[in-house]
Amino acid sequence: MEADKVPEKLKILHINPIQWPKVEDYLEDCILSAVMNACVKYGDNQYEVSKHIKVEVEAVLGGNWVVIVCPADQKTYNIHYTPAIVHNIGYQEMSFTFEYDNRRYLIFKT
């Protein structure tokens, strides 16, 4: 994502968006709140951070969410996936990939 197109709230939180869909504010706020809360509570424990984010997002937004957290070093780890799209169903992309606090996050609804 180009630096001049990064939403202001992501800049304030020092989040580097890689893939950030245009969604309603409450969806963005839920994702951001879950990530911030998990990082404060669990620090470097990637397992607990990912579990906390998943539980919090599912509690607020419903559905089944997948959360992957790994080091941001793209030379070591790179996340690739293809979301399933059902034609003529009004699919809304709900996947967020971003870097924050030396970690790469992939959060998407299945």
N, C-alpha and C. Protein backbone atom coordinates (compact mmCIF):
# COMPACT_ATOMS: atom_id res chain seq x y z
N MET A 1 0.85 -1.18 0.00
CA MET A 1 0.00 0.00 0.00
C MET A 1 0.90 1.23 0.00
N GLU A 2 0.55 2.20 -0.84
CA GLU A 2 1.36 3.40 -0.94
C GLU A 2 1.21 4.25 0.32
N ALA A 3 2.31 4.87 0.74
CA ALA A 3 2.34 5.62 2.00
C ALA A 3 1.31 6.73 2.05
N ASP A 4 1.04 7.38 0.92
CA ASP A 4 0.08 8.49 0.94
C ASP A 4 -1.37 8.01 1.02
N LYS A 5 -1.60 6.70 0.81
CA LYS A 5 -2.95 6.14 0.89
C LYS A 5 -3.22 5.43 2.21
N VAL A 6 -2.26 5.42 3.11
CA VAL A 6 -2.41 4.74 4.40
C VAL A 6 -3.38 5.56 5.25
N PRO A 7 -4.45 4.92 5.77
CA PRO A 7 -5.38 5.65 6.63
C PRO A 7 -4.68 6.24 7.85
N GLU A 8 -5.14 7.40 8.27
CA GLU A 8 -4.50 8.14 9.37
C GLU A 8 -4.43 7.32 10.65
N LYS A 9 -5.49 6.58 10.97
CA LYS A 9 -5.47 5.80 12.23
C LYS A 9 -4.38 4.73 12.21
N LEU A 10 -4.05 4.20 11.02
CA LEU A 10 -2.96 3.21 10.94
C LEU A 10 -1.61 3.88 11.13
N LYS A 11 -1.45 5.08 10.58
CA LYS A 11 -0.21 5.82 10.78
C LYS A 11 0.01 6.13 12.25
N ILE A 12 -1.04 6.55 12.94
CA ILE A 12 -0.94 6.89 14.36
C ILE A 12 -0.51 5.68 15.19
N LEU A 13 -1.02 4.50 14.82
CA LEU A 13 -0.70 3.27 15.56
C LEU A 13 0.59 2.60 15.08
N HIS A 14 1.26 3.19 14.09
CA HIS A 14 2.51 2.66 13.52
C HIS A 14 2.29 1.29 12.89
N ILE A 15 1.19 1.15 12.18
CA ILE A 15 0.87 -0.08 11.46
C ILE A 15 1.19 0.14 9.99
N ASN A 16 1.93 -0.81 9.43
CA ASN A 16 2.27 -0.76 8.01
C ASN A 16 1.34 -1.73 7.27
N PRO A 17 0.29 -1.22 6.62
CA PRO A 17 -0.64 -2.12 5.93
C PRO A 17 -0.05 -2.65 4.63
N ILE A 18 -0.22 -3.93 4.41
CA ILE A 18 0.20 -4.57 3.17
C ILE A 18 -1.03 -4.81 2.31
N GLN A 19 -2.06 -5.37 2.92
CA GLN A 19 -3.36 -5.51 2.28
C GLN A 19 -4.40 -5.08 3.31
N TRP A 20 -5.11 -4.02 3.00
CA TRP A 20 -6.07 -3.46 3.96
C TRP A 20 -7.34 -3.11 3.19
N PRO A 21 -8.38 -3.93 3.32
CA PRO A 21 -9.60 -3.68 2.55
C PRO A 21 -10.36 -2.45 3.06
N LYS A 22 -11.18 -1.89 2.18
CA LYS A 22 -12.04 -0.78 2.59
C LYS A 22 -13.27 -1.39 3.23
N VAL A 23 -13.38 -1.21 4.54
CA VAL A 23 -14.50 -1.77 5.30
C VAL A 23 -15.06 -0.68 6.20
N GLU A 24 -16.19 -0.99 6.83
CA GLU A 24 -16.79 -0.06 7.76
C GLU A 24 -15.83 0.21 8.93
N ASP A 25 -15.94 1.41 9.52
CA ASP A 25 -15.04 1.80 10.62
C ASP A 25 -15.07 0.82 11.79
N TYR A 26 -16.26 0.31 12.13
CA TYR A 26 -16.33 -0.58 13.29
C TYR A 26 -15.55 -1.87 13.06
N LEU A 27 -15.46 -2.34 11.81
CA LEU A 27 -14.66 -3.54 11.52
C LEU A 27 -13.18 -3.25 11.71
N GLU A 28 -12.73 -2.13 11.16
CA GLU A 28 -11.33 -1.72 11.34
C GLU A 28 -11.01 -1.56 12.81
N ASP A 29 -11.88 -0.87 13.52
CA ASP A 29 -11.64 -0.61 14.94
C ASP A 29 -11.57 -1.89 15.75
N CYS A 30 -12.41 -2.86 15.41
CA CYS A 30 -12.39 -4.15 16.11
C CYS A 30 -11.07 -4.87 15.90
N ILE A 31 -10.61 -4.92 14.66
CA ILE A 31 -9.32 -5.58 14.34
C ILE A 31 -8.18 -4.88 15.07
N LEU A 32 -8.14 -3.55 14.97
CA LEU A 32 -7.06 -2.78 15.59
C LEU A 32 -7.08 -2.91 17.10
N SER A 33 -8.24 -2.84 17.70
CA SER A 33 -8.36 -2.97 19.15
C SER A 33 -7.89 -4.35 19.61
N ALA A 34 -8.30 -5.39 18.90
CA ALA A 34 -7.90 -6.75 19.27
C ALA A 34 -6.38 -6.92 19.20
N VAL A 35 -5.77 -6.37 18.16
CA VAL A 35 -4.31 -6.48 18.01
C VAL A 35 -3.60 -5.72 19.13
N MET A 36 -4.02 -4.49 19.37
CA MET A 36 -3.37 -3.68 20.41
C MET A 36 -3.52 -4.33 21.79
N ASN A 37 -4.73 -4.79 22.11
CA ASN A 37 -4.97 -5.44 23.40
C ASN A 37 -4.10 -6.69 23.57
N ALA A 38 -4.02 -7.50 22.52
CA ALA A 38 -3.24 -8.73 22.58
C ALA A 38 -1.75 -8.44 22.76
N CYS A 39 -1.25 -7.45 22.04
CA CYS A 39 0.18 -7.12 22.13
C CYS A 39 0.55 -6.59 23.51
N VAL A 40 -0.32 -5.78 24.09
CA VAL A 40 -0.07 -5.26 25.44
C VAL A 40 -0.10 -6.40 26.46
N LYS A 41 -1.06 -7.28 26.31
CA LYS A 41 -1.25 -8.35 27.29
C LYS A 41 -0.21 -9.47 27.18
N TYR A 42 0.17 -9.85 25.93
CA TYR A 42 1.01 -11.04 25.75
C TYR A 42 2.39 -10.78 25.17
N GLY A 43 2.69 -9.55 24.77
CA GLY A 43 4.02 -9.21 24.29
C GLY A 43 4.50 -10.06 23.14
N ASP A 44 5.60 -10.79 23.32
CA ASP A 44 6.23 -11.57 22.25
C ASP A 44 5.66 -12.98 22.07
N ASN A 45 4.69 -13.37 22.87
CA ASN A 45 4.13 -14.71 22.78
C ASN A 45 3.16 -14.77 21.59
N GLN A 46 3.67 -15.16 20.43
CA GLN A 46 2.88 -15.16 19.20
C GLN A 46 1.65 -16.05 19.29
N TYR A 47 1.76 -17.19 19.97
CA TYR A 47 0.63 -18.10 20.09
C TYR A 47 -0.51 -17.43 20.87
N GLU A 48 -0.19 -16.87 22.02
CA GLU A 48 -1.22 -16.22 22.84
C GLU A 48 -1.78 -14.98 22.15
N VAL A 49 -0.93 -14.22 21.46
CA VAL A 49 -1.40 -13.03 20.74
C VAL A 49 -2.41 -13.45 19.67
N SER A 50 -2.07 -14.45 18.87
CA SER A 50 -2.97 -14.87 17.80
C SER A 50 -4.28 -15.43 18.36
N LYS A 51 -4.20 -16.20 19.45
CA LYS A 51 -5.40 -16.75 20.07
C LYS A 51 -6.30 -15.63 20.61
N HIS A 52 -5.69 -14.66 21.28
CA HIS A 52 -6.45 -13.55 21.85
C HIS A 52 -7.16 -12.75 20.75
N ILE A 53 -6.46 -12.46 19.66
CA ILE A 53 -7.05 -11.70 18.56
C ILE A 53 -8.24 -12.47 17.99
N LYS A 54 -8.06 -13.76 17.74
CA LYS A 54 -9.14 -14.59 17.18
C LYS A 54 -10.37 -14.57 18.08
N VAL A 55 -10.17 -14.80 19.36
CA VAL A 55 -11.30 -14.86 20.30
C VAL A 55 -12.01 -13.51 20.37
N GLU A 56 -11.24 -12.43 20.45
CA GLU A 56 -11.84 -11.10 20.57
C GLU A 56 -12.60 -10.70 19.31
N VAL A 57 -12.02 -10.95 18.15
CA VAL A 57 -12.68 -10.58 16.89
C VAL A 57 -13.95 -11.42 16.68
N GLU A 58 -13.87 -12.71 16.96
CA GLU A 58 -15.05 -13.56 16.81
C GLU A 58 -16.16 -13.18 17.78
N ALA A 59 -15.79 -12.77 19.00
CA ALA A 59 -16.79 -12.37 19.99
C ALA A 59 -17.55 -11.12 19.54
N VAL A 60 -16.85 -10.20 18.88
CA VAL A 60 -17.48 -8.94 18.47
C VAL A 60 -18.13 -9.05 17.09
N LEU A 61 -17.44 -9.67 16.13
CA LEU A 61 -17.92 -9.68 14.75
C LEU A 61 -18.62 -10.96 14.34
N GLY A 62 -18.44 -12.03 15.12
CA GLY A 62 -19.03 -13.31 14.76
C GLY A 62 -18.25 -13.97 13.63
N GLY A 63 -18.67 -15.16 13.28
CA GLY A 63 -18.02 -15.89 12.20
C GLY A 63 -16.75 -16.58 12.66
N ASN A 64 -16.05 -17.15 11.70
CA ASN A 64 -14.79 -17.84 11.98
C ASN A 64 -13.65 -17.03 11.37
N TRP A 65 -12.70 -16.64 12.20
CA TRP A 65 -11.57 -15.83 11.75
C TRP A 65 -10.28 -16.62 11.93
N VAL A 66 -9.37 -16.45 10.99
CA VAL A 66 -8.05 -17.06 11.07
C VAL A 66 -7.05 -15.95 11.35
N VAL A 67 -6.17 -16.19 12.32
CA VAL A 67 -5.16 -15.21 12.69
C VAL A 67 -3.80 -15.88 12.63
N ILE A 68 -2.90 -15.31 11.83
CA ILE A 68 -1.53 -15.81 11.73
C ILE A 68 -0.60 -14.67 12.11
N VAL A 69 0.31 -14.96 13.04
CA VAL A 69 1.29 -13.97 13.48
C VAL A 69 2.67 -14.60 13.30
N CYS A 70 3.56 -13.87 12.65
CA CYS A 70 4.92 -14.37 12.46
C CYS A 70 5.88 -13.19 12.42
N PRO A 71 7.18 -13.45 12.52
CA PRO A 71 8.14 -12.33 12.42
C PRO A 71 7.97 -11.60 11.10
N ALA A 72 8.21 -10.30 11.11
CA ALA A 72 8.01 -9.48 9.91
C ALA A 72 9.09 -9.65 8.87
N ASP A 73 10.16 -10.36 9.18
CA ASP A 73 11.26 -10.56 8.25
C ASP A 73 10.77 -11.36 7.04
N GLN A 74 10.57 -10.68 5.94
CA GLN A 74 10.02 -11.32 4.75
C GLN A 74 10.99 -12.31 4.11
N LYS A 75 12.24 -12.23 4.44
CA LYS A 75 13.21 -13.17 3.89
C LYS A 75 13.05 -14.54 4.53
N THR A 76 12.56 -14.56 5.75
CA THR A 76 12.39 -15.81 6.47
C THR A 76 10.98 -16.36 6.31
N TYR A 77 9.99 -15.49 6.44
CA TYR A 77 8.59 -15.90 6.39
C TYR A 77 7.86 -15.06 5.37
N ASN A 78 7.01 -15.70 4.61
CA ASN A 78 6.15 -14.96 3.70
C ASN A 78 4.81 -15.67 3.68
N ILE A 79 3.75 -14.91 3.80
CA ILE A 79 2.42 -15.48 3.89
C ILE A 79 1.74 -15.36 2.53
N HIS A 80 1.24 -16.47 2.03
CA HIS A 80 0.48 -16.47 0.79
C HIS A 80 -0.79 -17.27 1.03
N TYR A 81 -1.89 -16.79 0.51
CA TYR A 81 -3.13 -17.55 0.58
C TYR A 81 -4.06 -16.99 -0.49
N THR A 82 -5.07 -17.76 -0.84
CA THR A 82 -6.07 -17.31 -1.79
C THR A 82 -7.43 -17.46 -1.14
N PRO A 83 -8.16 -16.37 -0.94
CA PRO A 83 -9.49 -16.50 -0.34
C PRO A 83 -10.45 -17.16 -1.33
N ALA A 84 -11.37 -17.95 -0.80
CA ALA A 84 -12.38 -18.58 -1.65
C ALA A 84 -13.45 -17.55 -1.97
N ILE A 85 -13.79 -17.45 -3.23
CA ILE A 85 -14.80 -16.49 -3.66
C ILE A 85 -15.95 -17.26 -4.31
N VAL A 86 -17.15 -17.06 -3.81
CA VAL A 86 -18.33 -17.68 -4.39
C VAL A 86 -18.99 -16.64 -5.28
N HIS A 87 -19.16 -16.94 -6.55
CA HIS A 87 -19.71 -15.98 -7.51
C HIS A 87 -21.17 -15.65 -7.19
N ASN A 88 -21.54 -14.40 -7.39
CA ASN A 88 -22.90 -13.90 -7.23
C ASN A 88 -23.45 -14.01 -5.80
N ILE A 89 -22.59 -14.01 -4.82
CA ILE A 89 -23.03 -14.10 -3.43
C ILE A 89 -22.82 -12.77 -2.72
N GLY A 90 -22.25 -11.78 -3.37
CA GLY A 90 -22.00 -10.50 -2.71
C GLY A 90 -20.83 -10.60 -1.75
N TYR A 91 -19.81 -11.33 -2.15
CA TYR A 91 -18.62 -11.54 -1.31
C TYR A 91 -17.94 -10.21 -1.00
N GLN A 92 -17.63 -9.99 0.26
CA GLN A 92 -16.85 -8.82 0.66
C GLN A 92 -15.52 -9.32 1.21
N GLU A 93 -14.44 -8.83 0.63
CA GLU A 93 -13.13 -9.27 1.09
C GLU A 93 -12.92 -8.83 2.53
N MET A 94 -12.57 -9.76 3.38
CA MET A 94 -12.34 -9.49 4.79
C MET A 94 -10.99 -10.06 5.19
N SER A 95 -9.94 -9.55 4.57
CA SER A 95 -8.61 -10.02 4.93
C SER A 95 -7.69 -8.83 5.13
N PHE A 96 -6.93 -8.89 6.21
CA PHE A 96 -6.04 -7.80 6.60
C PHE A 96 -4.65 -8.38 6.75
N THR A 97 -3.69 -7.82 6.03
CA THR A 97 -2.28 -8.21 6.19
C THR A 97 -1.51 -6.93 6.49
N PHE A 98 -0.75 -6.97 7.58
CA PHE A 98 -0.03 -5.76 7.98
C PHE A 98 1.13 -6.12 8.88
N GLU A 99 2.04 -5.15 9.05
CA GLU A 99 3.16 -5.30 9.96
C GLU A 99 2.98 -4.33 11.11
N TYR A 100 3.28 -4.85 12.30
CA TYR A 100 3.19 -4.03 13.50
C TYR A 100 4.15 -4.61 14.53
N ASP A 101 4.96 -3.78 15.12
CA ASP A 101 5.83 -4.18 16.22
C ASP A 101 6.68 -5.41 15.87
N ASN A 102 7.36 -5.35 14.71
CA ASN A 102 8.25 -6.41 14.24
C ASN A 102 7.55 -7.75 14.01
N ARG A 103 6.26 -7.71 13.76
CA ARG A 103 5.50 -8.92 13.46
C ARG A 103 4.66 -8.67 12.21
N ARG A 104 4.40 -9.72 11.49
CA ARG A 104 3.48 -9.66 10.36
C ARG A 104 2.20 -10.38 10.79
N TYR A 105 1.08 -9.75 10.51
CA TYR A 105 -0.22 -10.28 10.89
C TYR A 105 -1.04 -10.55 9.63
N LEU A 106 -1.70 -11.68 9.61
CA LEU A 106 -2.67 -12.00 8.58
C LEU A 106 -3.95 -12.38 9.33
N ILE A 107 -4.98 -11.60 9.13
CA ILE A 107 -6.26 -11.83 9.81
C ILE A 107 -7.33 -11.86 8.73
N PHE A 108 -8.04 -12.98 8.61
CA PHE A 108 -9.09 -13.04 7.59
C PHE A 108 -10.26 -13.89 8.04
N LYS A 109 -11.41 -13.56 7.49
CA LYS A 109 -12.64 -14.28 7.82
C LYS A 109 -12.82 -15.42 6.83
N THR A 110 -13.16 -16.61 7.35
CA THR A 110 -13.38 -17.76 6.48
C THR A 110 -14.85 -18.04 6.36
